Protein backbone atom coordinates (compact mmCIF):
# COMPACT_ATOMS: atom_id res chain seq x y z
CA UNK A 1 36.73 24.58 27.09
CA UNK A 2 35.36 21.06 27.64
CA UNK A 3 34.44 19.69 24.22
CA UNK A 4 32.48 16.87 25.87
CA UNK A 5 30.24 19.16 27.90
CA UNK A 6 27.24 18.69 25.62
CA UNK A 7 27.64 15.00 24.85
CA UNK A 8 24.56 13.21 26.15
CA UNK A 9 24.94 10.12 28.36
CA UNK A 10 24.54 6.60 27.00
CA UNK A 11 20.84 5.72 27.42
CA UNK A 12 19.76 2.26 28.63
CA UNK A 13 16.08 1.35 28.60
CA UNK A 14 15.17 -1.50 30.93
CA UNK A 15 11.85 -3.26 30.34
CA UNK A 16 10.38 -5.85 32.72
CA UNK A 17 7.38 -7.85 31.56
CA UNK A 18 7.02 -10.49 34.28
CA UNK A 19 3.88 -10.52 36.41
CA UNK A 20 6.02 -11.73 39.32
CA UNK A 21 8.24 -9.53 41.46
CA UNK A 22 10.24 -10.85 44.44
CA UNK A 23 10.76 -14.33 42.97
CA UNK A 24 11.00 -13.32 39.32
CA UNK A 25 14.06 -14.81 37.62
CA UNK A 26 13.76 -12.51 34.62
CA UNK A 27 13.70 -9.42 36.87
CA UNK A 28 16.69 -10.69 38.83
CA UNK A 29 18.58 -11.23 35.59
CA UNK A 30 17.72 -7.78 34.24
CA UNK A 31 19.00 -6.43 37.58
CA UNK A 32 22.23 -8.31 36.97
CA UNK A 33 22.54 -7.19 33.34
CA UNK A 34 22.00 -3.51 34.13
CA UNK A 35 24.43 -3.67 37.07
CA UNK A 36 27.09 -5.16 34.78
CA UNK A 37 26.49 -2.44 32.21
CA UNK A 38 26.80 0.29 34.83
CA UNK A 39 30.01 -1.26 36.13
CA UNK A 40 31.53 -0.84 32.67
CA UNK A 41 29.92 2.53 32.00
CA UNK A 42 28.87 4.27 35.26
CA UNK A 43 27.90 7.46 33.42
CA UNK A 44 25.08 5.68 31.58
CA UNK A 45 21.50 6.75 32.23
CA UNK A 46 18.99 3.97 32.99
CA UNK A 47 15.26 4.35 32.40
CA UNK A 48 13.15 1.54 33.89
CA UNK A 49 9.68 0.67 32.67
CA UNK A 50 7.64 -2.00 34.44
CA UNK A 51 5.29 -3.35 31.78
CA UNK A 52 3.33 -5.34 34.37
CA UNK A 53 2.33 -2.19 36.26
CA UNK A 54 -0.94 -1.79 34.40
CA UNK A 55 -0.45 -0.71 30.79
CA UNK A 56 -3.96 -0.18 29.43
CA UNK A 57 -5.08 -1.92 26.27
CA UNK A 58 -5.26 0.51 23.33
CA UNK A 59 -8.87 1.63 22.86
CA UNK A 60 -10.70 3.20 19.92
CA UNK A 61 -9.56 6.78 20.60
CA UNK A 62 -5.95 5.58 20.78
CA UNK A 63 -6.23 3.73 17.47
CA UNK A 64 -7.91 6.66 15.73
CA UNK A 65 -5.39 9.13 17.11
CA UNK A 66 -2.30 7.09 16.28
CA UNK A 67 -3.33 5.96 12.80
CA UNK A 68 -5.63 8.51 11.27
CA UNK A 69 -5.55 11.88 12.98
CA UNK A 70 -1.94 12.75 13.73
CA UNK A 71 -2.21 16.21 12.16
CA UNK A 72 -5.39 17.26 13.97
CA UNK A 73 -6.05 14.93 16.91
CA UNK A 74 -9.06 15.72 19.07
CA UNK A 75 -8.55 16.44 22.79
CA UNK A 76 -9.88 12.96 23.55
CA UNK A 77 -7.34 11.42 21.17
CA UNK A 78 -4.54 13.49 22.69
CA UNK A 79 -5.44 12.18 26.13
CA UNK A 80 -5.55 8.61 24.83
CA UNK A 81 -2.07 9.01 23.34
CA UNK A 82 -0.35 10.51 26.40
CA UNK A 83 1.05 7.25 27.77
CA UNK A 84 1.95 6.00 24.31
CA UNK A 85 3.86 9.21 23.61
CA UNK A 86 5.77 8.78 26.87
CA UNK A 87 6.69 5.18 26.05
CA UNK A 88 7.73 6.11 22.52
CA UNK A 89 9.90 8.96 23.79
CA UNK A 90 11.74 6.56 26.11
CA UNK A 91 12.25 4.06 23.32
CA UNK A 92 13.44 6.59 20.75
CA UNK A 93 15.98 7.98 23.24
CA UNK A 94 17.44 4.56 24.04
CA UNK A 95 20.84 3.48 22.79
CA UNK A 96 20.33 0.00 24.19
CA UNK A 97 17.31 -1.97 25.41
CA UNK A 98 17.39 -4.71 28.07
CA UNK A 99 14.17 -6.74 28.21
CA UNK A 100 13.20 -9.35 30.78
CA UNK A 101 10.82 -11.77 29.08
CA UNK A 102 9.26 -14.86 30.67
CA UNK A 103 7.48 -17.30 28.37
CA UNK A 104 3.80 -17.61 29.24
CA UNK A 105 1.91 -20.37 27.44
CA UNK A 106 4.62 -20.68 24.79
CA UNK A 107 4.62 -17.01 23.83
CA UNK A 108 5.27 -13.48 25.11
CA UNK A 109 3.43 -12.04 28.14
CA UNK A 110 0.35 -9.94 27.39
CA UNK A 111 2.14 -7.08 29.16
CA UNK A 112 4.76 -7.03 26.40
CA UNK A 113 2.14 -7.29 23.65
CA UNK A 114 0.33 -4.28 25.11
CA UNK A 115 3.63 -2.36 25.20
CA UNK A 116 4.31 -3.16 21.55
CA UNK A 117 0.82 -1.96 20.62
CA UNK A 118 1.63 1.36 22.32
CA UNK A 119 5.03 1.90 20.70
CA UNK A 120 4.43 0.55 17.18
CA UNK A 121 3.41 3.91 15.75
CA UNK A 122 3.23 4.65 12.04
CA UNK A 123 5.58 7.49 11.02
CA UNK A 124 6.98 7.56 14.55
CA UNK A 125 8.73 4.24 15.16
CA UNK A 126 8.27 2.84 11.66
CA UNK A 127 7.22 4.07 8.24
CA UNK A 128 6.35 2.73 4.82
CA UNK A 129 8.71 3.40 1.92
CA UNK A 130 7.50 2.17 -1.46
CA UNK A 131 5.10 -0.15 0.30
CA UNK A 132 7.77 -1.68 2.55
CA UNK A 133 7.92 -0.98 6.29
CA UNK A 134 11.16 0.49 7.64
CA UNK A 135 12.00 0.90 11.32
CA UNK A 136 12.93 4.31 12.71
CA UNK A 137 14.48 3.39 16.07
CA UNK A 138 18.16 4.20 16.51
CA UNK A 139 19.03 1.88 19.43
CA UNK A 140 22.04 -0.21 18.47
CA UNK A 141 20.90 -3.41 20.21
CA UNK A 142 18.19 -5.08 22.25
CA UNK A 143 19.04 -7.82 24.75
CA UNK A 144 16.16 -10.15 25.56
CA UNK A 145 16.45 -12.32 28.67
CA UNK A 146 14.09 -15.22 28.02
CA UNK A 147 13.06 -17.35 30.99
CA UNK A 148 10.86 -20.42 31.00
CA UNK A 149 9.98 -23.36 33.19
CA UNK A 150 10.30 -26.06 30.56
CA UNK A 151 9.99 -24.71 27.02
CA UNK A 152 13.35 -24.62 25.28
CA UNK A 153 14.34 -21.41 23.53
CA UNK A 154 14.34 -22.07 19.80
CA UNK A 155 12.25 -25.22 20.11
CA UNK A 156 9.11 -25.84 18.07
CA UNK A 157 7.06 -24.80 21.11
CA UNK A 158 8.80 -21.44 21.41
CA UNK A 159 6.68 -18.83 19.65
CA UNK A 160 8.08 -15.95 21.71
CA UNK A 161 11.64 -15.72 20.37
CA UNK A 162 10.83 -15.38 16.65
CA UNK A 163 7.93 -13.04 17.39
CA UNK A 164 9.91 -10.68 19.63
CA UNK A 165 12.92 -10.74 17.29
CA UNK A 166 10.77 -9.87 14.29
CA UNK A 167 9.05 -7.02 16.14
CA UNK A 168 12.28 -5.30 17.19
CA UNK A 169 13.80 -5.63 13.73
CA UNK A 170 10.63 -4.22 12.18
CA UNK A 171 11.03 -1.16 14.41
CA UNK A 172 14.63 -0.73 13.29
CA UNK A 173 16.78 -2.53 15.88
CA UNK A 174 18.65 -5.13 13.86
CA UNK A 175 20.94 -6.44 16.61
CA UNK A 176 18.70 -8.66 18.72
CA UNK A 177 20.57 -10.74 21.30
CA UNK A 178 18.90 -13.63 23.13
CA UNK A 179 19.95 -14.65 26.66
CA UNK A 180 18.68 -18.19 27.27
CA UNK A 181 17.40 -18.86 30.79
CA UNK A 182 14.96 -21.60 29.87
CA UNK A 183 14.34 -24.90 31.64
CA UNK A 184 14.22 -23.43 35.14
CA UNK A 185 12.04 -26.26 36.42
CA UNK A 186 14.83 -28.77 35.88
CA UNK A 187 17.96 -27.10 37.23
CA UNK A 188 17.31 -23.49 38.12
CA UNK A 189 20.66 -22.78 39.75
CA UNK A 190 22.65 -24.02 36.76
CA UNK A 191 20.37 -22.30 34.23
CA UNK A 192 20.65 -18.96 36.04
CA UNK A 193 24.43 -19.32 36.27
CA UNK A 194 24.58 -20.02 32.54
CA UNK A 195 22.43 -16.98 31.80
CA UNK A 196 24.74 -14.76 33.85
CA UNK A 197 27.71 -16.16 31.93
CA UNK A 198 25.98 -15.23 28.67
CA UNK A 199 25.39 -11.73 30.02
CA UNK A 200 29.02 -11.35 31.07
CA UNK A 201 30.13 -12.31 27.56
CA UNK A 202 27.74 -9.83 25.96
CA UNK A 203 28.47 -6.82 28.17
CA UNK A 204 32.10 -6.19 27.25
CA UNK A 205 31.50 -5.70 23.49
CA UNK A 206 28.68 -3.21 24.15
CA UNK A 207 31.01 -0.26 24.64
CA UNK A 208 33.82 -1.48 22.39
């Protein structure tokens, strides 16, 4: 009897937040990262979510359904929560998250903020214990590929890195890894090469 028959595959959740497609550096680097992961672990399952493909802003029915009426949501609330439930299910299932994140106006894209509003769900992805929030996600790590034209990652103008890091840790993912692909306006080829080197160095320990 095969004792491994019921072991589920390693789950990778890929998130792209760039509004650009063909010429997007962050999307190209998430392509590269996921390809490297699959080379090391071809049995892994990859779920891809394009955050720029029109996530709606949470409206009143969504807020009421997610915060106040979980036990007896109305049909309207249930409809409003359908997409959020789908996004949360993907995130809860993930063992590892790869996120492509360009810096727009010194912070995260609105597409990512909308995603976070959909998946930050009380008693689903986080809870309060003795007045302190605790994350409920089980993913071991999130890898954020930050791209920018000129803003340096970790500089005083970078409001995206601390914000995104705090959010993931609040939801329970304590291992937040940053891949720096900033400064693309100055030497794009070198910056992209350096980002791929960072990815190569991060991939091998993933399955160790």
